[in-house]
Amino acid sequence: LKELDLSVFTTENVDNYWYMFRGCEKLEKINFSKIDVETKKYLIY
């Protein structure tokens, strides 16, 4: 996996993100345009 577009997913019901992309060693780009406010805050920081 090199690119992942999660813009079609809603994350309202995701209760945890632990190791979500672990081992995706070729991943270069992730689109989180609909991620929840709390996780967005941490990612921005």
All heavy atoms as atom14 arrays in JSON, in Angstrom:
{
  "sequence": "LKELDLSVFTTENVDNYWYMFRGCEKLEKINFSKIDVETKKYLIY",
  "atom14_mask": [
    [1, 1, 1, 1, 1, 1, 1, 1, 0, 0, 0, 0, 0, 0],
    [1, 1, 1, 1, 1, 1, 1, 1, 1, 0, 0, 0, 0, 0],
    [1, 1, 1, 1, 1, 1, 1, 1, 1, 0, 0, 0, 0, 0],
    [1, 1, 1, 1, 1, 1, 1, 1, 0, 0, 0, 0, 0, 0],
    [1, 1, 1, 1, 1, 1, 1, 1, 0, 0, 0, 0, 0, 0],
    [1, 1, 1, 1, 1, 1, 1, 1, 0, 0, 0, 0, 0, 0],
    [1, 1, 1, 1, 1, 1, 0, 0, 0, 0, 0, 0, 0, 0],
    [1, 1, 1, 1, 1, 1, 1, 0, 0, 0, 0, 0, 0, 0],
    [1, 1, 1, 1, 1, 1, 1, 1, 1, 1, 1, 0, 0, 0],
    [1, 1, 1, 1, 1, 1, 1, 0, 0, 0, 0, 0, 0, 0],
    [1, 1, 1, 1, 1, 1, 1, 0, 0, 0, 0, 0, 0, 0],
    [1, 1, 1, 1, 1, 1, 1, 1, 1, 0, 0, 0, 0, 0],
    [1, 1, 1, 1, 1, 1, 1, 1, 0, 0, 0, 0, 0, 0],
    [1, 1, 1, 1, 1, 1, 1, 0, 0, 0, 0, 0, 0, 0],
    [1, 1, 1, 1, 1, 1, 1, 1, 0, 0, 0, 0, 0, 0],
    [1, 1, 1, 1, 1, 1, 1, 1, 0, 0, 0, 0, 0, 0],
    [1, 1, 1, 1, 1, 1, 1, 1, 1, 1, 1, 1, 0, 0],
    [1, 1, 1, 1, 1, 1, 1, 1, 1, 1, 1, 1, 1, 1],
    [1, 1, 1, 1, 1, 1, 1, 1, 1, 1, 1, 1, 0, 0],
    [1, 1, 1, 1, 1, 1, 1, 1, 0, 0, 0, 0, 0, 0],
    [1, 1, 1, 1, 1, 1, 1, 1, 1, 1, 1, 0, 0, 0],
    [1, 1, 1, 1, 1, 1, 1, 1, 1, 1, 1, 0, 0, 0],
    [1, 1, 1, 1, 0, 0, 0, 0, 0, 0, 0, 0, 0, 0],
    [1, 1, 1, 1, 1, 1, 0, 0, 0, 0, 0, 0, 0, 0],
    [1, 1, 1, 1, 1, 1, 1, 1, 1, 0, 0, 0, 0, 0],
    [1, 1, 1, 1, 1, 1, 1, 1, 1, 0, 0, 0, 0, 0],
    [1, 1, 1, 1, 1, 1, 1, 1, 0, 0, 0, 0, 0, 0],
    [1, 1, 1, 1, 1, 1, 1, 1, 1, 0, 0, 0, 0, 0],
    [1, 1, 1, 1, 1, 1, 1, 1, 1, 0, 0, 0, 0, 0],
    [1, 1, 1, 1, 1, 1, 1, 1, 0, 0, 0, 0, 0, 0],
    [1, 1, 1, 1, 1, 1, 1, 1, 0, 0, 0, 0, 0, 0],
    [1, 1, 1, 1, 1, 1, 1, 1, 1, 1, 1, 0, 0, 0],
    [1, 1, 1, 1, 1, 1, 0, 0, 0, 0, 0, 0, 0, 0],
    [1, 1, 1, 1, 1, 1, 1, 1, 1, 0, 0, 0, 0, 0],
    [1, 1, 1, 1, 1, 1, 1, 1, 0, 0, 0, 0, 0, 0],
    [1, 1, 1, 1, 1, 1, 1, 1, 0, 0, 0, 0, 0, 0],
    [1, 1, 1, 1, 1, 1, 1, 0, 0, 0, 0, 0, 0, 0],
    [1, 1, 1, 1, 1, 1, 1, 1, 1, 0, 0, 0, 0, 0],
    [1, 1, 1, 1, 1, 1, 1, 0, 0, 0, 0, 0, 0, 0],
    [1, 1, 1, 1, 1, 1, 1, 1, 1, 0, 0, 0, 0, 0],
    [1, 1, 1, 1, 1, 1, 1, 1, 1, 0, 0, 0, 0, 0],
    [1, 1, 1, 1, 1, 1, 1, 1, 1, 1, 1, 1, 0, 0],
    [1, 1, 1, 1, 1, 1, 1, 1, 0, 0, 0, 0, 0, 0],
    [1, 1, 1, 1, 1, 1, 1, 1, 0, 0, 0, 0, 0, 0],
    [1, 1, 1, 1, 1, 1, 1, 1, 1, 1, 1, 1, 0, 0]
  ],
  "atom14_positions": [
    [[0.82, -1.2, 0.0], [0.0, 0.0, 0.0], [0.86, 1.26, 0.0], [1.7, 1.45, 0.88], [-0.88, -0.02, 1.25], [-2.12, 0.84, 1.3], [-3.1, 0.41, 0.21], [-2.78, 0.71, 2.66], [0.0, 0.0, 0.0], [0.0, 0.0, 0.0], [0.0, 0.0, 0.0], [0.0, 0.0, 0.0], [0.0, 0.0, 0.0], [0.0, 0.0, 0.0]],
    [[0.68, 2.15, -1.01], [1.48, 3.38, -1.11], [0.65, 4.61, -0.76], [1.18, 5.58, -0.25], [2.06, 3.54, -2.51], [3.23, 2.62, -2.78], [3.84, 2.9, -4.11], [4.87, 3.98, -3.95], [5.7, 4.2, -5.14], [0.0, 0.0, 0.0], [0.0, 0.0, 0.0], [0.0, 0.0, 0.0], [0.0, 0.0, 0.0], [0.0, 0.0, 0.0]],
    [[-0.65, 4.55, -1.06], [-1.51, 5.71, -0.85], [-2.83, 5.23, -0.28], [-3.36, 4.2, -0.71], [-1.73, 6.42, -2.19], [-2.13, 7.85, -2.06], [-2.05, 8.58, -3.39], [-0.97, 8.59, -4.01], [-3.09, 9.13, -3.81], [0.0, 0.0, 0.0], [0.0, 0.0, 0.0], [0.0, 0.0, 0.0], [0.0, 0.0, 0.0], [0.0, 0.0, 0.0]],
    [[-3.38, 5.97, 0.67], [-4.62, 5.55, 1.32], [-5.53, 6.76, 1.45], [-5.16, 7.76, 2.07], [-4.3, 4.97, 2.69], [-5.4, 4.23, 3.43], [-5.98, 3.1, 2.58], [-4.85, 3.65, 4.72], [0.0, 0.0, 0.0], [0.0, 0.0, 0.0], [0.0, 0.0, 0.0], [0.0, 0.0, 0.0], [0.0, 0.0, 0.0], [0.0, 0.0, 0.0]],
    [[-6.71, 6.68, 0.85], [-7.68, 7.77, 0.92], [-8.8, 7.36, 1.87], [-9.64, 6.53, 1.52], [-8.23, 8.07, -0.48], [-9.18, 9.26, -0.48], [-9.46, 9.81, 0.6], [-9.62, 9.65, -1.57], [0.0, 0.0, 0.0], [0.0, 0.0, 0.0], [0.0, 0.0, 0.0], [0.0, 0.0, 0.0], [0.0, 0.0, 0.0], [0.0, 0.0, 0.0]],
    [[-8.78, 7.94, 3.06], [-9.8, 7.61, 4.06], [-10.89, 8.67, 4.1], [-11.67, 8.72, 5.03], [-9.15, 7.47, 5.44], [-8.09, 6.38, 5.55], [-7.48, 6.37, 6.94], [-8.67, 5.02, 5.24], [0.0, 0.0, 0.0], [0.0, 0.0, 0.0], [0.0, 0.0, 0.0], [0.0, 0.0, 0.0], [0.0, 0.0, 0.0], [0.0, 0.0, 0.0]],
    [[-10.94, 9.53, 3.07], [-11.92, 10.62, 3.06], [-13.36, 10.1, 2.96], [-14.29, 10.83, 3.27], [-11.63, 11.59, 1.92], [-11.73, 10.93, 0.67], [0.0, 0.0, 0.0], [0.0, 0.0, 0.0], [0.0, 0.0, 0.0], [0.0, 0.0, 0.0], [0.0, 0.0, 0.0], [0.0, 0.0, 0.0], [0.0, 0.0, 0.0], [0.0, 0.0, 0.0]],
    [[-13.53, 8.87, 2.53], [-14.88, 8.31, 2.43], [-15.31, 7.64, 3.73], [-16.46, 7.27, 3.89], [-15.0, 7.3, 1.26], [-14.81, 7.99, -0.07], [-14.01, 6.16, 1.41], [0.0, 0.0, 0.0], [0.0, 0.0, 0.0], [0.0, 0.0, 0.0], [0.0, 0.0, 0.0], [0.0, 0.0, 0.0], [0.0, 0.0, 0.0], [0.0, 0.0, 0.0]],
    [[-14.39, 7.51, 4.66], [-14.7, 6.87, 5.94], [-15.05, 7.92, 6.98], [-14.41, 8.95, 7.07], [-13.51, 6.07, 6.47], [-13.2, 4.85, 5.66], [-12.23, 4.9, 4.67], [-13.86, 3.66, 5.88], [-11.93, 3.77, 3.91], [-13.57, 2.53, 5.13], [-12.61, 2.59, 4.15], [0.0, 0.0, 0.0], [0.0, 0.0, 0.0], [0.0, 0.0, 0.0]],
    [[-16.05, 7.62, 7.79], [-16.31, 8.45, 8.95], [-15.7, 7.75, 10.15], [-15.73, 6.53, 10.24], [-17.82, 8.7, 9.16], [-18.0, 9.48, 10.33], [-18.6, 7.42, 9.28], [0.0, 0.0, 0.0], [0.0, 0.0, 0.0], [0.0, 0.0, 0.0], [0.0, 0.0, 0.0], [0.0, 0.0, 0.0], [0.0, 0.0, 0.0], [0.0, 0.0, 0.0]],
    [[-15.11, 8.51, 11.05], [-14.41, 7.88, 12.18], [-15.15, 8.08, 13.49], [-14.59, 7.84, 14.55], [-12.97, 8.43, 12.31], [-13.05, 9.85, 12.49], [-12.15, 8.1, 11.09], [0.0, 0.0, 0.0], [0.0, 0.0, 0.0], [0.0, 0.0, 0.0], [0.0, 0.0, 0.0], [0.0, 0.0, 0.0], [0.0, 0.0, 0.0], [0.0, 0.0, 0.0]],
    [[-16.41, 8.47, 13.42], [-17.18, 8.73, 14.64], [-17.23, 7.52, 15.56], [-17.23, 7.65, 16.78], [-18.61, 9.13, 14.29], [-18.71, 10.47, 13.59], [-20.07, 10.68, 12.94], [-20.92, 9.76, 12.99], [-20.28, 11.76, 12.38], [0.0, 0.0, 0.0], [0.0, 0.0, 0.0], [0.0, 0.0, 0.0], [0.0, 0.0, 0.0], [0.0, 0.0, 0.0]],
    [[-17.29, 6.33, 15.0], [-17.44, 5.12, 15.81], [-16.13, 4.37, 16.04], [-16.14, 3.28, 16.61], [-18.45, 4.18, 15.16], [-19.83, 4.81, 15.08], [-20.26, 5.49, 16.01], [-20.51, 4.61, 13.97], [0.0, 0.0, 0.0], [0.0, 0.0, 0.0], [0.0, 0.0, 0.0], [0.0, 0.0, 0.0], [0.0, 0.0, 0.0], [0.0, 0.0, 0.0]],
    [[-15.01, 4.95, 15.61], [-13.72, 4.3, 15.85], [-13.33, 4.56, 17.29], [-13.22, 5.7, 17.72], [-12.64, 4.86, 14.89], [-11.28, 4.25, 15.21], [-13.02, 4.58, 13.45], [0.0, 0.0, 0.0], [0.0, 0.0, 0.0], [0.0, 0.0, 0.0], [0.0, 0.0, 0.0], [0.0, 0.0, 0.0], [0.0, 0.0, 0.0], [0.0, 0.0, 0.0]],
    [[-13.15, 3.49, 18.06], [-12.82, 3.7, 19.47], [-11.32, 3.71, 19.74], [-10.89, 4.18, 20.77], [-13.54, 2.69, 20.37], [-13.21, 1.25, 20.01], [-12.52, 1.02, 18.99], [-13.64, 0.35, 20.74], [0.0, 0.0, 0.0], [0.0, 0.0, 0.0], [0.0, 0.0, 0.0], [0.0, 0.0, 0.0], [0.0, 0.0, 0.0], [0.0, 0.0, 0.0]],
    [[-10.53, 3.17, 18.82], [-9.09, 3.32, 18.98], [-8.38, 3.12, 17.65], [-8.89, 2.48, 16.75], [-8.55, 2.38, 20.07], [-8.33, 0.98, 19.59], [-7.39, 0.72, 18.83], [-9.17, 0.06, 20.02], [0.0, 0.0, 0.0], [0.0, 0.0, 0.0], [0.0, 0.0, 0.0], [0.0, 0.0, 0.0], [0.0, 0.0, 0.0], [0.0, 0.0, 0.0]],
    [[-7.2, 3.71, 17.59], [-6.41, 3.7, 16.36], [-5.08, 2.97, 16.54], [-4.2, 3.09, 15.71], [-6.09, 5.14, 15.93], [-7.28, 5.95, 15.51], [-7.92, 6.79, 16.41], [-7.76, 5.88, 14.21], [-9.0, 7.55, 16.01], [-8.84, 6.64, 13.8], [-9.46, 7.47, 14.72], [-10.54, 8.22, 14.33], [0.0, 0.0, 0.0], [0.0, 0.0, 0.0]],
    [[-4.93, 2.24, 17.62], [-3.64, 1.61, 17.91], [-3.13, 0.83, 16.7], [-3.81, -0.04, 16.17], [-3.73, 0.66, 19.11], [-3.77, 1.39, 20.43], [-4.87, 1.63, 21.19], [-2.66, 1.99, 21.11], [-4.51, 2.34, 22.3], [-3.17, 2.56, 22.29], [-1.29, 2.09, 20.83], [-2.35, 3.24, 23.21], [-0.48, 2.75, 21.74], [-1.0, 3.31, 22.91]],
    [[-1.93, 1.16, 16.28], [-1.19, 0.44, 15.22], [-1.99, 0.25, 13.93], [-1.83, -0.75, 13.24], [-0.7, -0.91, 15.76], [0.2, -0.75, 16.96], [-0.25, -1.07, 18.23], [1.49, -0.25, 16.81], [0.58, -0.89, 19.34], [2.31, -0.07, 17.91], [1.84, -0.4, 19.18], [2.66, -0.21, 20.25], [0.0, 0.0, 0.0], [0.0, 0.0, 0.0]],
    [[-2.81, 1.22, 13.6], [-3.71, 1.07, 12.44], [-2.96, 0.79, 11.13], [-3.43, 0.02, 10.31], [-4.56, 2.32, 12.28], [-5.59, 2.2, 11.19], [-6.74, 3.59, 11.18], [-8.0, 2.97, 12.28], [0.0, 0.0, 0.0], [0.0, 0.0, 0.0], [0.0, 0.0, 0.0], [0.0, 0.0, 0.0], [0.0, 0.0, 0.0], [0.0, 0.0, 0.0]],
    [[-1.81, 1.41, 10.95], [-1.07, 1.24, 9.7], [0.25, 0.51, 9.9], [1.13, 0.56, 9.04], [-0.81, 2.6, 9.04], [-2.06, 3.42, 8.88], [-2.27, 4.53, 9.67], [-3.04, 3.05, 7.97], [-3.42, 5.28, 9.54], [-4.2, 3.8, 7.84], [-4.39, 4.91, 8.62], [0.0, 0.0, 0.0], [0.0, 0.0, 0.0], [0.0, 0.0, 0.0]],
    [[0.4, -0.17, 11.02], [1.67, -0.84, 11.34], [2.08, -1.79, 10.21], [1.29, -2.57, 9.71], [1.52, -1.64, 12.62], [2.73, -2.52, 12.9], [2.48, -3.45, 14.04], [3.27, -3.01, 15.17], [3.13, -3.49, 16.4], [2.22, -4.39, 16.65], [3.89, -3.04, 17.36], [0.0, 0.0, 0.0], [0.0, 0.0, 0.0], [0.0, 0.0, 0.0]],
    [[3.32, -1.66, 9.82], [3.85, -2.56, 8.8], [3.53, -2.16, 7.37], [3.93, -2.85, 6.44], [0.0, 0.0, 0.0], [0.0, 0.0, 0.0], [0.0, 0.0, 0.0], [0.0, 0.0, 0.0], [0.0, 0.0, 0.0], [0.0, 0.0, 0.0], [0.0, 0.0, 0.0], [0.0, 0.0, 0.0], [0.0, 0.0, 0.0], [0.0, 0.0, 0.0]],
    [[2.81, -1.04, 7.19], [2.55, -0.55, 5.82], [3.8, 0.22, 5.4], [3.79, 1.45, 5.31], [1.31, 0.34, 5.79], [-0.22, -0.54, 6.17], [0.0, 0.0, 0.0], [0.0, 0.0, 0.0], [0.0, 0.0, 0.0], [0.0, 0.0, 0.0], [0.0, 0.0, 0.0], [0.0, 0.0, 0.0], [0.0, 0.0, 0.0], [0.0, 0.0, 0.0]],
    [[4.86, -0.51, 5.17], [6.18, 0.1, 5.01], [6.33, 0.97, 3.78], [7.2, 1.82, 3.71], [7.24, -1.01, 5.01], [7.34, -1.69, 6.36], [7.92, -3.08, 6.28], [8.26, -3.53, 5.17], [8.02, -3.72, 7.34], [0.0, 0.0, 0.0], [0.0, 0.0, 0.0], [0.0, 0.0, 0.0], [0.0, 0.0, 0.0], [0.0, 0.0, 0.0]],
    [[5.47, 0.79, 2.78], [5.59, 1.57, 1.55], [4.61, 2.76, 1.52], [4.61, 3.54, 0.58], [5.36, 0.68, 0.34], [6.36, -0.47, 0.24], [6.55, -0.9, -1.19], [7.5, -2.04, -1.4], [8.57, -2.25, -0.5], [0.0, 0.0, 0.0], [0.0, 0.0, 0.0], [0.0, 0.0, 0.0], [0.0, 0.0, 0.0], [0.0, 0.0, 0.0]],
    [[3.81, 2.89, 2.57], [2.8, 3.94, 2.62], [3.44, 5.32, 2.62], [4.29, 5.62, 3.46], [1.93, 3.76, 3.87], [0.67, 4.6, 3.96], [-0.28, 4.3, 2.81], [-0.04, 4.32, 5.29], [0.0, 0.0, 0.0], [0.0, 0.0, 0.0], [0.0, 0.0, 0.0], [0.0, 0.0, 0.0], [0.0, 0.0, 0.0], [0.0, 0.0, 0.0]],
    [[3.06, 6.15, 1.64], [3.63, 7.5, 1.49], [2.63, 8.61, 1.79], [3.0, 9.68, 2.23], [4.16, 7.69, 0.07], [5.31, 6.78, -0.28], [5.76, 6.94, -1.73], [5.27, 7.86, -2.42], [6.61, 6.15, -2.16], [0.0, 0.0, 0.0], [0.0, 0.0, 0.0], [0.0, 0.0, 0.0], [0.0, 0.0, 0.0], [0.0, 0.0, 0.0]],
    [[1.35, 8.35, 1.5], [0.36, 9.42, 1.6], [-0.94, 8.89, 2.21], [-1.43, 7.84, 1.81], [0.09, 9.98, 0.2], [-0.92, 11.1, 0.16], [-1.08, 11.61, -1.27], [-2.08, 12.75, -1.33], [-2.26, 13.23, -2.71], [0.0, 0.0, 0.0], [0.0, 0.0, 0.0], [0.0, 0.0, 0.0], [0.0, 0.0, 0.0], [0.0, 0.0, 0.0]],
    [[-1.48, 9.65, 3.17], [-2.75, 9.29, 3.8], [-3.66, 10.51, 3.78], [-3.24, 11.6, 4.17], [-2.57, 8.83, 5.26], [-1.59, 7.66, 5.35], [-3.9, 8.44, 5.87], [-1.25, 7.27, 6.76], [0.0, 0.0, 0.0], [0.0, 0.0, 0.0], [0.0, 0.0, 0.0], [0.0, 0.0, 0.0], [0.0, 0.0, 0.0], [0.0, 0.0, 0.0]],
    [[-4.88, 10.33, 3.34], [-5.87, 11.4, 3.36], [-6.85, 11.11, 4.5], [-7.63, 10.18, 4.45], [-6.63, 11.46, 2.03], [-7.62, 12.58, 1.98], [-8.05, 13.11, 2.99], [-8.01, 12.96, 0.78], [0.0, 0.0, 0.0], [0.0, 0.0, 0.0], [0.0, 0.0, 0.0], [0.0, 0.0, 0.0], [0.0, 0.0, 0.0], [0.0, 0.0, 0.0]],
    [[-6.76, 11.93, 5.55], [-7.63, 11.81, 6.73], [-8.67, 12.91, 6.75], [-8.99, 13.43, 7.81], [-6.79, 12.01, 8.0], [-6.04, 10.82, 8.47], [-4.67, 10.91, 8.67], [-6.67, 9.63, 8.76], [-3.95, 9.84, 9.14], [-5.95, 8.55, 9.22], [-4.59, 8.66, 9.41], [0.0, 0.0, 0.0], [0.0, 0.0, 0.0], [0.0, 0.0, 0.0]],
    [[-9.2, 13.33, 5.62], [-10.02, 14.54, 5.59], [-11.33, 14.46, 6.37], [-12.02, 15.45, 6.52], [-10.29, 14.98, 4.15], [-10.93, 13.97, 3.43], [0.0, 0.0, 0.0], [0.0, 0.0, 0.0], [0.0, 0.0, 0.0], [0.0, 0.0, 0.0], [0.0, 0.0, 0.0], [0.0, 0.0, 0.0], [0.0, 0.0, 0.0], [0.0, 0.0, 0.0]],
    [[-11.66, 13.29, 6.91], [-12.87, 13.2, 7.74], [-12.57, 12.62, 9.13], [-13.44, 12.06, 9.76], [-13.92, 12.34, 7.05], [-14.54, 13.01, 5.87], [-15.89, 12.41, 5.54], [-16.52, 13.2, 4.42], [-17.13, 12.36, 3.4], [0.0, 0.0, 0.0], [0.0, 0.0, 0.0], [0.0, 0.0, 0.0], [0.0, 0.0, 0.0], [0.0, 0.0, 0.0]],
    [[-11.36, 12.81, 9.61], [-11.0, 12.23, 10.92], [-11.66, 13.03, 12.05], [-11.96, 14.21, 11.89], [-9.47, 12.16, 11.08], [-9.1, 11.12, 12.13], [-8.88, 13.53, 11.39], [-7.73, 10.57, 11.98], [0.0, 0.0, 0.0], [0.0, 0.0, 0.0], [0.0, 0.0, 0.0], [0.0, 0.0, 0.0], [0.0, 0.0, 0.0], [0.0, 0.0, 0.0]],
    [[-11.88, 12.38, 13.18], [-12.55, 13.03, 14.3], [-11.7, 14.18, 14.86], [-10.48, 14.22, 14.69], [-12.85, 12.01, 15.4], [-11.58, 11.39, 15.96], [-11.09, 10.42, 15.37], [-11.07, 11.91, 16.96], [0.0, 0.0, 0.0], [0.0, 0.0, 0.0], [0.0, 0.0, 0.0], [0.0, 0.0, 0.0], [0.0, 0.0, 0.0], [0.0, 0.0, 0.0]],
    [[-12.36, 15.11, 15.51], [-11.74, 16.35, 15.99], [-10.59, 16.08, 16.97], [-9.54, 16.71, 16.89], [-12.8, 17.25, 16.67], [-12.17, 18.48, 17.3], [-13.86, 17.66, 15.66], [0.0, 0.0, 0.0], [0.0, 0.0, 0.0], [0.0, 0.0, 0.0], [0.0, 0.0, 0.0], [0.0, 0.0, 0.0], [0.0, 0.0, 0.0], [0.0, 0.0, 0.0]],
    [[-10.78, 15.14, 17.88], [-9.75, 14.86, 18.88], [-8.46, 14.33, 18.24], [-7.37, 14.81, 18.53], [-10.29, 13.84, 19.9], [-9.36, 13.59, 21.07], [-9.27, 14.73, 22.07], [-9.91, 15.78, 21.88], [-8.54, 14.57, 23.05], [0.0, 0.0, 0.0], [0.0, 0.0, 0.0], [0.0, 0.0, 0.0], [0.0, 0.0, 0.0], [0.0, 0.0, 0.0]],
    [[-8.6, 13.36, 17.35], [-7.42, 12.79, 16.71], [-6.77, 13.83, 15.8], [-5.54, 13.91, 15.73], [-7.81, 11.53, 15.92], [-8.51, 10.64, 16.79], [-6.58, 10.82, 15.37], [0.0, 0.0, 0.0], [0.0, 0.0, 0.0], [0.0, 0.0, 0.0], [0.0, 0.0, 0.0], [0.0, 0.0, 0.0], [0.0, 0.0, 0.0], [0.0, 0.0, 0.0]],
    [[-7.57, 14.64, 15.14], [-7.03, 15.71, 14.3], [-6.17, 16.64, 15.14], [-5.08, 17.05, 14.73], [-8.17, 16.49, 13.65], [-7.7, 17.7, 12.86], [-8.86, 18.57, 12.39], [-8.36, 19.86, 11.79], [-9.45, 20.76, 11.4], [0.0, 0.0, 0.0], [0.0, 0.0, 0.0], [0.0, 0.0, 0.0], [0.0, 0.0, 0.0], [0.0, 0.0, 0.0]],
    [[-6.65, 16.98, 16.34], [-5.9, 17.88, 17.23], [-4.51, 17.31, 17.53], [-3.5, 18.02, 17.47], [-6.68, 18.08, 18.54], [-5.96, 18.93, 19.57], [-6.82, 19.15, 20.8], [-6.49, 18.1, 21.84], [-7.17, 18.31, 23.12], [0.0, 0.0, 0.0], [0.0, 0.0, 0.0], [0.0, 0.0, 0.0], [0.0, 0.0, 0.0], [0.0, 0.0, 0.0]],
    [[-4.45, 16.03, 17.82], [-3.16, 15.39, 18.13], [-2.27, 15.31, 16.9], [-1.06, 15.54, 16.98], [-3.38, 14.0, 18.74], [-3.77, 14.07, 20.19], [-5.06, 14.42, 20.57], [-2.85, 13.83, 21.19], [-5.42, 14.51, 21.91], [-3.2, 13.9, 22.53], [-4.49, 14.25, 22.88], [-4.82, 14.35, 24.21], [0.0, 0.0, 0.0], [0.0, 0.0, 0.0]],
    [[-2.86, 14.98, 15.76], [-2.07, 14.92, 14.53], [-1.51, 16.29, 14.16], [-0.34, 16.4, 13.77], [-2.91, 14.37, 13.38], [-3.04, 12.85, 13.33], [-4.13, 12.44, 12.35], [-1.72, 12.19, 12.98], [0.0, 0.0, 0.0], [0.0, 0.0, 0.0], [0.0, 0.0, 0.0], [0.0, 0.0, 0.0], [0.0, 0.0, 0.0], [0.0, 0.0, 0.0]],
    [[-2.32, 17.33, 14.3], [-1.83, 18.68, 14.0], [-0.68, 19.04, 14.93], [0.34, 19.57, 14.49], [-2.97, 19.71, 14.11], [-3.91, 19.56, 12.91], [-2.42, 21.14, 14.19], [-5.16, 20.4, 12.98], [0.0, 0.0, 0.0], [0.0, 0.0, 0.0], [0.0, 0.0, 0.0], [0.0, 0.0, 0.0], [0.0, 0.0, 0.0], [0.0, 0.0, 0.0]],
    [[-0.83, 18.73, 16.21], [0.25, 19.02, 17.16], [1.54, 18.29, 16.74], [2.61, 18.88, 16.67], [-0.14, 18.61, 18.58], [1.02, 18.71, 19.52], [1.41, 19.94, 20.03], [1.76, 17.58, 19.88], [2.52, 20.05, 20.86], [2.85, 17.68, 20.7], [3.23, 18.91, 21.2], [4.32, 19.02, 22.01], [0.0, 0.0, 0.0], [0.0, 0.0, 0.0]]
  ]
}
